[in-house]
Amino acid sequence: MMTGFWQLVLIGLVLILVAMLVLMFVRKTTLDKLNYIFAMNTVIVLLILTVGFIDGREDMYIDIAMSYSILGFVTSVILAKYIGGRKR
């Protein structure tokens, strides 16, 4: 059963996610947009964990959140290497 507190937490996380999405489209540079995408990745992981806590099945949602965060980390490392270029 979801209480008022958890409803506020979910609404807050979704509002933060929407604000980051809007700011991502407003910004001009590629690096700013990538930073917003990586920050949204963290908020999505928090959202997944909060839903898992409310649902009462933390173990399943923790696995999903860990897989999503590892995928986001690998993506950020690959993009950093691609943007940084090769050093000779």
C-alpha atoms as a PDB file:
ATOM      1  CA  MET A   1       0.000   0.000   0.000  1.00  0.00           C
ATOM      2  CA  MET A   2       1.419   3.337  -1.015  1.00  0.00           C
ATOM      3  CA  THR A   3       1.256   6.091   1.564  1.00  0.00           C
ATOM      4  CA  GLY A   4       1.250   9.815   0.955  1.00  0.00           C
ATOM      5  CA  PHE A   5       4.973  10.062   1.666  1.00  0.00           C
ATOM      6  CA  TRP A   6       5.925   7.603  -1.069  1.00  0.00           C
ATOM      7  CA  GLN A   7       3.545   9.299  -3.486  1.00  0.00           C
ATOM      8  CA  LEU A   8       5.376  12.570  -2.837  1.00  0.00           C
ATOM      9  CA  VAL A   9       8.754  10.872  -3.323  1.00  0.00           C
ATOM     10  CA  LEU A  10       7.655   9.380  -6.656  1.00  0.00           C
ATOM     11  CA  ILE A  11       6.136  12.663  -7.823  1.00  0.00           C
ATOM     12  CA  GLY A  12       9.336  14.501  -6.825  1.00  0.00           C
ATOM     13  CA  LEU A  13      11.547  12.060  -8.728  1.00  0.00           C
ATOM     14  CA  VAL A  14       9.352  12.264 -11.818  1.00  0.00           C
ATOM     15  CA  LEU A  15       9.368  16.085 -11.665  1.00  0.00           C
ATOM     16  CA  ILE A  16      13.164  16.101 -11.384  1.00  0.00           C
ATOM     17  CA  LEU A  17      13.335  13.743 -14.364  1.00  0.00           C
ATOM     18  CA  VAL A  18      11.026  15.957 -16.443  1.00  0.00           C
ATOM     19  CA  ALA A  19      13.014  19.082 -15.502  1.00  0.00           C
ATOM     20  CA  MET A  20      16.255  17.413 -16.596  1.00  0.00           C
ATOM     21  CA  LEU A  21      14.634  16.318 -19.841  1.00  0.00           C
ATOM     22  CA  VAL A  22      13.482  19.862 -20.604  1.00  0.00           C
ATOM     23  CA  LEU A  23      16.883  21.322 -19.729  1.00  0.00           C
ATOM     24  CA  MET A  24      18.563  18.723 -21.916  1.00  0.00           C
ATOM     25  CA  PHE A  25      16.634  19.946 -24.953  1.00  0.00           C
ATOM     26  CA  VAL A  26      17.240  23.610 -24.093  1.00  0.00           C
ATOM     27  CA  ARG A  27      21.032  23.357 -23.773  1.00  0.00           C
ATOM     28  CA  LYS A  28      23.140  23.785 -26.870  1.00  0.00           C
ATOM     29  CA  THR A  29      26.386  21.911 -26.304  1.00  0.00           C
ATOM     30  CA  THR A  30      26.755  18.176 -26.608  1.00  0.00           C
ATOM     31  CA  LEU A  31      28.596  17.852 -23.307  1.00  0.00           C
ATOM     32  CA  ASP A  32      25.752  19.539 -21.410  1.00  0.00           C
ATOM     33  CA  LYS A  33      23.256  17.189 -23.008  1.00  0.00           C
ATOM     34  CA  LEU A  34      25.378  14.158 -22.116  1.00  0.00           C
ATOM     35  CA  ASN A  35      25.689  15.334 -18.509  1.00  0.00           C
ATOM     36  CA  TYR A  36      21.906  15.593 -18.265  1.00  0.00           C
ATOM     37  CA  ILE A  37      21.513  12.108 -19.716  1.00  0.00           C
ATOM     38  CA  PHE A  38      23.932  10.681 -17.142  1.00  0.00           C
ATOM     39  CA  ALA A  39      22.155  12.519 -14.322  1.00  0.00           C
ATOM     40  CA  MET A  40      18.802  11.217 -15.579  1.00  0.00           C
ATOM     41  CA  ASN A  41      20.272   7.729 -15.431  1.00  0.00           C
ATOM     42  CA  THR A  42      20.849   8.176 -11.698  1.00  0.00           C
ATOM     43  CA  VAL A  43      17.333   9.509 -11.104  1.00  0.00           C
ATOM     44  CA  ILE A  44      15.851   6.569 -13.033  1.00  0.00           C
ATOM     45  CA  VAL A  45      17.796   4.139 -10.836  1.00  0.00           C
ATOM     46  CA  LEU A  46      16.386   5.885  -7.751  1.00  0.00           C
ATOM     47  CA  LEU A  47      12.913   5.691  -9.271  1.00  0.00           C
ATOM     48  CA  ILE A  48      13.279   1.949  -9.902  1.00  0.00           C
ATOM     49  CA  LEU A  49      14.483   1.368  -6.337  1.00  0.00           C
ATOM     50  CA  THR A  50      11.625   3.420  -4.878  1.00  0.00           C
ATOM     51  CA  VAL A  51       9.037   1.483  -6.878  1.00  0.00           C
ATOM     52  CA  GLY A  52      10.643  -1.759  -5.710  1.00  0.00           C
ATOM     53  CA  PHE A  53      10.475  -0.655  -2.097  1.00  0.00           C
ATOM     54  CA  ILE A  54       6.808   0.281  -2.455  1.00  0.00           C
ATOM     55  CA  ASP A  55       6.019  -2.986  -4.234  1.00  0.00           C
ATOM     56  CA  GLY A  56       7.714  -5.011  -1.513  1.00  0.00           C
ATOM     57  CA  ARG A  57       9.957  -6.902  -3.925  1.00  0.00           C
ATOM     58  CA  GLU A  58      13.226  -5.117  -3.306  1.00  0.00           C
ATOM     59  CA  ASP A  59      15.429  -8.001  -4.418  1.00  0.00           C
ATOM     60  CA  MET A  60      14.059  -8.092  -7.966  1.00  0.00           C
ATOM     61  CA  TYR A  61      14.111  -4.324  -8.410  1.00  0.00           C
ATOM     62  CA  ILE A  62      17.647  -4.041  -7.009  1.00  0.00           C
ATOM     63  CA  ASP A  63      18.839  -6.444  -9.709  1.00  0.00           C
ATOM     64  CA  ILE A  64      17.089  -4.402 -12.388  1.00  0.00           C
ATOM     65  CA  ALA A  65      18.483  -1.121 -11.018  1.00  0.00           C
ATOM     66  CA  MET A  66      22.020  -2.542 -10.824  1.00  0.00           C
ATOM     67  CA  SER A  67      21.837  -3.797 -14.411  1.00  0.00           C
ATOM     68  CA  TYR A  68      20.569  -0.404 -15.575  1.00  0.00           C
ATOM     69  CA  SER A  69      23.270   1.488 -13.682  1.00  0.00           C
ATOM     70  CA  ILE A  70      26.060  -0.784 -14.978  1.00  0.00           C
ATOM     71  CA  LEU A  71      24.782  -0.271 -18.516  1.00  0.00           C
ATOM     72  CA  GLY A  72      24.754   3.503 -17.937  1.00  0.00           C
ATOM     73  CA  PHE A  73      28.284   3.429 -16.541  1.00  0.00           C
ATOM     74  CA  VAL A  74      29.639   1.451 -19.482  1.00  0.00           C
ATOM     75  CA  THR A  75      27.886   3.837 -21.867  1.00  0.00           C
ATOM     76  CA  SER A  76      29.399   6.859 -20.129  1.00  0.00           C
ATOM     77  CA  VAL A  77      32.897   5.377 -20.296  1.00  0.00           C
ATOM     78  CA  ILE A  78      32.505   4.590 -23.997  1.00  0.00           C
ATOM     79  CA  LEU A  79      31.186   8.081 -24.764  1.00  0.00           C
ATOM     80  CA  ALA A  80      33.955   9.722 -22.720  1.00  0.00           C
ATOM     81  CA  LYS A  81      36.550   7.777 -24.672  1.00  0.00           C
ATOM     82  CA  TYR A  82      34.874   8.671 -27.961  1.00  0.00           C
ATOM     83  CA  ILE A  83      34.577  12.383 -27.149  1.00  0.00           C
ATOM     84  CA  GLY A  84      38.040  12.582 -25.579  1.00  0.00           C
ATOM     85  CA  GLY A  85      39.710  11.267 -28.698  1.00  0.00           C
ATOM     86  CA  ARG A  86      42.913   9.321 -28.935  1.00  0.00           C
ATOM     87  CA  LYS A  87      46.117  10.477 -27.336  1.00  0.00           C
ATOM     88  CA  ARG A  88      49.295   9.666 -29.268  1.00  0.00           C
END
